[in-house]
Amino acid sequence: MIGPSFVEILVILTLALVVLGPKRLPEIARSIGRSLREVQKVRNEVQGLWTGVENAVQDSIVPKGGEDERGRKQESEQSDASEGSSKESETAEAGDDLEDRGRDGGGEGDGDS
């Protein structure tokens, strides 16, 4: 069940009337209503402040010029990664050359001994 049904609310109100009496029940209902209004005002204020903070943070992350700093950073990381992969392939080719020289008898100057 999501919330109290009509019957449950009626039972609670009847118990409140019996316990508090007909004189005090309207006073308490008014004070509860005022308290709930105050809580709602505070909640709305906090929600407005939170929205302002979120907007300020969002504005500091995404500049008004349209370019996202994170997007620029990602582009530079991608270009660095592609440069790094070409360096890795060059290193791997150099390692293969060294292995081939080792299998052929040791390299250039070893055949004259």
Protein backbone atom coordinates (compact mmCIF):
# COMPACT_ATOMS: atom_id res chain seq x y z
CA MET A 1 0.00 0.00 0.00
CA ILE A 2 1.26 3.44 -0.91
CA GLY A 3 -0.66 5.56 1.57
CA PRO A 4 -3.38 5.38 4.17
CA SER A 5 -6.87 4.64 2.90
CA PHE A 6 -9.98 6.67 3.75
CA VAL A 7 -10.99 4.19 6.44
CA GLU A 8 -7.58 4.37 8.12
CA ILE A 9 -7.67 8.18 8.16
CA LEU A 10 -11.19 8.09 9.63
CA VAL A 11 -10.05 5.74 12.41
CA ILE A 12 -7.05 7.97 13.22
CA LEU A 13 -9.24 11.09 13.37
CA THR A 14 -11.78 9.33 15.61
CA LEU A 15 -9.02 8.22 17.99
CA ALA A 16 -7.59 11.74 18.02
CA LEU A 17 -11.01 13.17 18.86
CA VAL A 18 -11.47 10.69 21.72
CA VAL A 19 -7.96 11.17 23.13
CA LEU A 20 -7.62 14.96 22.72
CA GLY A 21 -11.22 15.99 23.14
CA PRO A 22 -13.36 18.34 21.06
CA LYS A 23 -11.82 21.51 22.54
CA ARG A 24 -8.14 20.76 21.94
CA LEU A 25 -8.45 18.98 18.56
CA PRO A 26 -8.98 22.17 16.47
CA GLU A 27 -6.03 23.89 18.20
CA ILE A 28 -3.72 20.97 17.53
CA ALA A 29 -4.93 20.66 13.93
CA ARG A 30 -4.17 24.37 13.35
CA SER A 31 -0.70 24.08 14.87
CA ILE A 32 0.05 21.00 12.80
CA GLY A 33 -1.10 22.86 9.66
CA ARG A 34 1.13 25.86 10.48
CA SER A 35 4.08 23.57 11.14
CA LEU A 36 3.59 21.75 7.86
CA ARG A 37 3.41 25.10 6.00
CA GLU A 38 6.69 26.21 7.60
CA VAL A 39 8.35 22.92 6.69
CA GLN A 40 7.14 23.32 3.11
CA LYS A 41 8.52 26.90 2.93
CA VAL A 42 11.92 25.76 4.19
CA ARG A 43 11.92 22.85 1.77
CA ASN A 44 11.14 25.19 -1.15
CA GLU A 45 13.94 27.56 -0.09
CA VAL A 46 16.46 24.76 0.18
CA GLN A 47 15.34 23.36 -3.17
CA GLY A 48 15.78 26.81 -4.77
CA LEU A 49 19.25 27.18 -3.28
CA TRP A 50 20.20 23.70 -4.43
CA THR A 51 19.02 24.48 -7.97
CA GLY A 52 21.10 27.67 -7.92
CA VAL A 53 24.17 25.73 -6.81
CA GLU A 54 23.62 23.12 -9.52
CA ASN A 55 23.32 25.84 -12.16
CA ALA A 56 26.47 27.58 -10.93
CA VAL A 57 28.42 24.32 -11.01
CA GLN A 58 27.08 23.49 -14.47
CA ASP A 59 28.07 26.97 -15.72
CA SER A 60 31.58 26.53 -14.36
CA ILE A 61 31.93 23.14 -16.06
CA VAL A 62 30.46 24.14 -19.43
CA PRO A 63 31.65 27.60 -20.47
CA LYS A 64 29.27 29.86 -22.35
CA GLY A 65 31.43 29.64 -25.53
CA GLY A 66 29.88 26.28 -26.35
CA GLU A 67 33.03 24.13 -26.10
CA ASP A 68 33.06 21.72 -23.23
CA GLU A 69 36.38 21.61 -21.38
CA ARG A 70 35.90 17.91 -20.83
CA GLY A 71 35.34 17.49 -24.57
CA ARG A 72 38.62 19.24 -25.32
CA LYS A 73 40.39 17.12 -22.77
CA GLN A 74 38.92 13.94 -24.27
CA GLU A 75 40.04 14.97 -27.77
CA SER A 76 43.60 15.56 -26.57
CA GLU A 77 43.59 12.22 -24.74
CA GLN A 78 42.41 10.48 -27.91
CA SER A 79 45.15 12.11 -29.98
CA ASP A 80 47.71 11.16 -27.30
CA ALA A 81 46.43 7.59 -27.40
CA SER A 82 46.76 7.40 -31.18
CA GLU A 83 50.31 8.81 -30.96
CA GLY A 84 51.09 6.31 -28.21
CA SER A 85 49.84 3.40 -30.31
CA SER A 86 52.06 4.47 -33.23
CA LYS A 87 55.03 4.67 -30.84
CA GLU A 88 54.17 1.21 -29.52
CA SER A 89 54.08 -0.21 -33.04
CA GLU A 90 57.48 1.39 -33.81
CA THR A 91 58.90 -0.14 -30.63
CA ALA A 92 57.47 -3.53 -31.54
CA GLU A 93 58.99 -3.34 -35.04
CA ALA A 94 62.40 -2.47 -33.55
CA GLY A 95 62.12 -5.45 -31.21
CA ASP A 96 61.27 -7.72 -34.15
CA ASP A 97 64.35 -6.47 -36.02
CA LEU A 98 66.54 -7.30 -33.04
CA GLU A 99 65.09 -10.81 -32.86
CA ASP A 100 65.70 -11.34 -36.58
CA ARG A 101 69.35 -10.27 -36.23
CA GLY A 102 69.81 -12.71 -33.37
CA ARG A 103 68.52 -15.59 -35.49
CA ASP A 104 70.65 -14.68 -38.53
CA GLY A 105 73.92 -15.12 -36.75
CA GLY A 106 74.40 -12.07 -34.66
CA GLY A 107 74.25 -9.03 -36.92
CA GLU A 108 76.50 -7.15 -39.37
CA GLY A 109 80.16 -7.43 -38.30
CA ASP A 110 80.18 -11.05 -37.11
CA GLY A 111 80.69 -12.75 -40.49
CA ASP A 112 84.43 -11.74 -40.87
CA SER A 113 85.88 -13.53 -37.84
